[in-house]
Amino acid sequence: MPRAKRKRRKHSVRASVHIHQLSKAGTSVDFKIYADEEKIGTMIIGRGSITWFGRNRKTPIELDWTHFAKIMDERYDG
């Protein structure tokens, strides 16, 4: 029986880790997110917040963890 073709992945993520010391400010993980090999944004996850830079966004959207949790709970628990 012939093998089924593998579907090409639509999304890919590349990570860059910046950990100087886990408790220090400036520690983060940067994710560059792609759809069909085109960059759609960058997400930076840090000790105190999560930041999103959209594809053409000049200013970031930054949420502290409490605000982010509230948004996620409202969106997906309610």
N, C-alpha and C. Protein backbone atom coordinates (compact mmCIF):
# COMPACT_ATOMS: atom_id res chain seq x y z
N MET A 1 0.84 -1.19 0.00
CA MET A 1 0.00 0.00 0.00
C MET A 1 0.89 1.25 0.00
N PRO A 2 0.66 2.21 -0.89
CA PRO A 2 1.51 3.41 -0.94
C PRO A 2 1.32 4.27 0.30
N ARG A 3 2.40 4.94 0.68
CA ARG A 3 2.35 5.83 1.84
C ARG A 3 1.58 7.10 1.52
N ALA A 4 0.85 7.56 2.48
CA ALA A 4 0.11 8.82 2.32
C ALA A 4 1.09 9.98 2.31
N LYS A 5 0.78 10.99 1.52
CA LYS A 5 1.62 12.19 1.49
C LYS A 5 1.51 12.93 2.80
N ARG A 6 2.62 13.44 3.27
CA ARG A 6 2.60 14.26 4.48
C ARG A 6 2.14 15.66 4.12
N LYS A 7 1.27 16.21 4.96
CA LYS A 7 0.82 17.58 4.75
C LYS A 7 1.94 18.54 5.11
N ARG A 8 2.10 19.55 4.32
CA ARG A 8 3.08 20.59 4.61
C ARG A 8 2.56 21.43 5.76
N ARG A 9 3.40 21.71 6.72
CA ARG A 9 3.00 22.51 7.87
C ARG A 9 2.76 23.95 7.46
N LYS A 10 1.67 24.49 7.96
CA LYS A 10 1.35 25.88 7.65
C LYS A 10 2.11 26.82 8.58
N HIS A 11 2.20 26.46 9.87
CA HIS A 11 2.83 27.34 10.85
C HIS A 11 4.16 26.78 11.32
N SER A 12 5.08 27.67 11.62
CA SER A 12 6.34 27.28 12.24
C SER A 12 6.71 28.35 13.26
N VAL A 13 7.48 27.93 14.25
CA VAL A 13 7.89 28.84 15.32
C VAL A 13 9.38 28.66 15.54
N ARG A 14 10.08 29.77 15.66
CA ARG A 14 11.51 29.75 15.97
C ARG A 14 11.71 30.47 17.29
N ALA A 15 12.43 29.83 18.19
CA ALA A 15 12.60 30.40 19.53
C ALA A 15 14.03 30.85 19.76
N SER A 16 14.16 31.91 20.53
CA SER A 16 15.45 32.43 20.95
C SER A 16 15.36 32.66 22.45
N VAL A 17 16.22 32.02 23.22
CA VAL A 17 16.15 32.08 24.68
C VAL A 17 17.24 33.01 25.21
N HIS A 18 16.82 33.93 26.08
CA HIS A 18 17.75 34.87 26.71
C HIS A 18 17.64 34.69 28.22
N ILE A 19 18.44 33.81 28.78
CA ILE A 19 18.38 33.57 30.22
C ILE A 19 19.76 33.84 30.81
N HIS A 20 19.86 34.97 31.47
CA HIS A 20 21.11 35.32 32.15
C HIS A 20 21.10 34.73 33.55
N GLN A 21 20.01 34.91 34.22
CA GLN A 21 19.74 34.35 35.53
C GLN A 21 18.23 34.38 35.68
N LEU A 22 17.63 33.27 36.05
CA LEU A 22 16.17 33.16 36.01
C LEU A 22 15.43 34.25 36.77
N SER A 23 16.01 34.77 37.82
CA SER A 23 15.31 35.77 38.62
C SER A 23 15.59 37.21 38.18
N LYS A 24 16.43 37.38 37.17
CA LYS A 24 16.82 38.73 36.73
C LYS A 24 15.84 39.30 35.71
N ALA A 25 15.67 40.61 35.77
CA ALA A 25 14.93 41.31 34.72
C ALA A 25 15.70 41.16 33.42
N GLY A 26 15.01 41.15 32.31
CA GLY A 26 15.67 40.99 31.02
C GLY A 26 15.73 39.55 30.55
N THR A 27 15.29 38.62 31.39
CA THR A 27 15.22 37.22 31.00
C THR A 27 13.98 37.02 30.16
N SER A 28 14.12 36.42 28.98
CA SER A 28 12.96 36.24 28.12
C SER A 28 13.17 35.10 27.14
N VAL A 29 12.06 34.68 26.54
CA VAL A 29 12.07 33.75 25.42
C VAL A 29 11.34 34.45 24.29
N ASP A 30 11.98 34.59 23.16
CA ASP A 30 11.39 35.25 22.00
C ASP A 30 10.96 34.19 20.99
N PHE A 31 9.72 34.29 20.52
CA PHE A 31 9.19 33.38 19.52
C PHE A 31 8.88 34.17 18.26
N LYS A 32 9.46 33.77 17.15
CA LYS A 32 9.13 34.36 15.86
C LYS A 32 8.17 33.37 15.19
N ILE A 33 6.97 33.84 14.83
CA ILE A 33 5.91 32.97 14.35
C ILE A 33 5.70 33.22 12.86
N TYR A 34 5.63 32.11 12.11
CA TYR A 34 5.50 32.16 10.65
C TYR A 34 4.28 31.37 10.21
N ALA A 35 3.62 31.85 9.16
CA ALA A 35 2.55 31.12 8.48
C ALA A 35 2.92 31.08 7.01
N ASP A 36 2.98 29.88 6.46
CA ASP A 36 3.40 29.71 5.06
C ASP A 36 4.71 30.44 4.77
N GLU A 37 5.66 30.30 5.69
CA GLU A 37 7.01 30.86 5.58
C GLU A 37 7.05 32.38 5.60
N GLU A 38 5.94 33.04 5.94
CA GLU A 38 5.90 34.48 6.07
C GLU A 38 5.73 34.83 7.55
N LYS A 39 6.58 35.70 8.05
CA LYS A 39 6.52 36.06 9.47
C LYS A 39 5.22 36.81 9.77
N ILE A 40 4.47 36.32 10.79
CA ILE A 40 3.22 36.97 11.16
C ILE A 40 3.34 37.70 12.50
N GLY A 41 4.43 37.49 13.22
CA GLY A 41 4.61 38.22 14.46
C GLY A 41 5.71 37.66 15.33
N THR A 42 5.97 38.38 16.42
CA THR A 42 6.94 37.97 17.43
C THR A 42 6.30 38.07 18.79
N MET A 43 6.43 37.01 19.58
CA MET A 43 5.93 37.00 20.94
C MET A 43 7.13 36.89 21.87
N ILE A 44 7.19 37.79 22.84
CA ILE A 44 8.28 37.78 23.82
C ILE A 44 7.67 37.46 25.18
N ILE A 45 8.12 36.37 25.76
CA ILE A 45 7.61 35.96 27.06
C ILE A 45 8.72 36.21 28.08
N GLY A 46 8.42 37.11 29.00
CA GLY A 46 9.39 37.47 30.01
C GLY A 46 8.91 37.16 31.41
N ARG A 47 9.71 37.51 32.37
CA ARG A 47 9.40 37.23 33.76
C ARG A 47 8.15 37.96 34.21
N GLY A 48 7.93 39.18 33.73
CA GLY A 48 6.82 39.99 34.21
C GLY A 48 5.70 40.22 33.23
N SER A 49 5.89 39.82 31.95
CA SER A 49 4.86 40.13 30.97
C SER A 49 5.01 39.29 29.71
N ILE A 50 3.99 39.41 28.87
CA ILE A 50 4.01 38.82 27.54
C ILE A 50 3.82 39.97 26.55
N THR A 51 4.61 39.99 25.49
CA THR A 51 4.58 41.09 24.52
C THR A 51 4.38 40.52 23.12
N TRP A 52 3.51 41.17 22.35
CA TRP A 52 3.24 40.75 20.97
C TRP A 52 3.54 41.87 20.01
N PHE A 53 4.37 41.59 19.01
CA PHE A 53 4.62 42.49 17.89
C PHE A 53 4.00 41.82 16.67
N GLY A 54 2.90 42.36 16.15
CA GLY A 54 2.28 41.82 14.94
C GLY A 54 3.15 42.09 13.73
N ARG A 55 2.77 41.51 12.64
CA ARG A 55 3.54 41.59 11.39
C ARG A 55 3.97 43.01 11.04
N ASN A 56 3.05 43.96 11.05
CA ASN A 56 3.37 45.33 10.66
C ASN A 56 3.24 46.31 11.82
N ARG A 57 3.21 45.79 13.03
CA ARG A 57 2.98 46.60 14.22
C ARG A 57 4.26 47.33 14.62
N LYS A 58 4.14 48.63 14.82
CA LYS A 58 5.30 49.43 15.25
C LYS A 58 5.41 49.46 16.77
N THR A 59 4.25 49.47 17.44
CA THR A 59 4.26 49.47 18.90
C THR A 59 3.72 48.12 19.39
N PRO A 60 4.33 47.60 20.43
CA PRO A 60 3.91 46.27 20.91
C PRO A 60 2.65 46.31 21.75
N ILE A 61 2.01 45.16 21.86
CA ILE A 61 0.95 44.96 22.83
C ILE A 61 1.62 44.24 24.00
N GLU A 62 1.60 44.85 25.17
CA GLU A 62 2.25 44.26 26.33
C GLU A 62 1.24 44.06 27.44
N LEU A 63 1.20 42.86 27.97
CA LEU A 63 0.27 42.51 29.05
C LEU A 63 1.05 41.90 30.21
N ASP A 64 0.76 42.36 31.43
CA ASP A 64 1.37 41.67 32.55
C ASP A 64 0.63 40.33 32.71
N TRP A 65 1.19 39.43 33.50
CA TRP A 65 0.65 38.08 33.59
C TRP A 65 -0.76 38.06 34.17
N THR A 66 -1.07 38.93 35.11
CA THR A 66 -2.41 38.97 35.70
C THR A 66 -3.44 39.37 34.65
N HIS A 67 -3.13 40.39 33.86
CA HIS A 67 -4.03 40.84 32.80
C HIS A 67 -4.20 39.77 31.72
N PHE A 68 -3.09 39.15 31.35
CA PHE A 68 -3.14 38.08 30.35
C PHE A 68 -4.03 36.93 30.83
N ALA A 69 -3.88 36.51 32.09
CA ALA A 69 -4.69 35.42 32.65
C ALA A 69 -6.17 35.78 32.65
N LYS A 70 -6.47 37.03 32.99
CA LYS A 70 -7.87 37.49 33.01
C LYS A 70 -8.47 37.42 31.61
N ILE A 71 -7.74 37.89 30.61
CA ILE A 71 -8.23 37.85 29.22
C ILE A 71 -8.46 36.41 28.78
N MET A 72 -7.54 35.52 29.05
CA MET A 72 -7.68 34.12 28.66
C MET A 72 -8.86 33.46 29.36
N ASP A 73 -9.02 33.73 30.65
CA ASP A 73 -10.15 33.16 31.41
C ASP A 73 -11.48 33.65 30.86
N GLU A 74 -11.56 34.94 30.58
CA GLU A 74 -12.81 35.50 30.04
C GLU A 74 -13.12 34.93 28.66
N ARG A 75 -12.09 34.78 27.87
CA ARG A 75 -12.26 34.33 26.49
C ARG A 75 -12.61 32.84 26.40
N TYR A 76 -11.97 32.01 27.23
CA TYR A 76 -12.09 30.57 27.05
C TYR A 76 -12.83 29.86 28.18
N ASP A 77 -13.07 30.51 29.32
CA ASP A 77 -13.82 29.85 30.39
C ASP A 77 -15.27 30.30 30.43
N GLY A 78 -15.56 31.41 29.80
CA GLY A 78 -16.89 31.99 29.94
C GLY A 78 -17.77 31.65 28.82
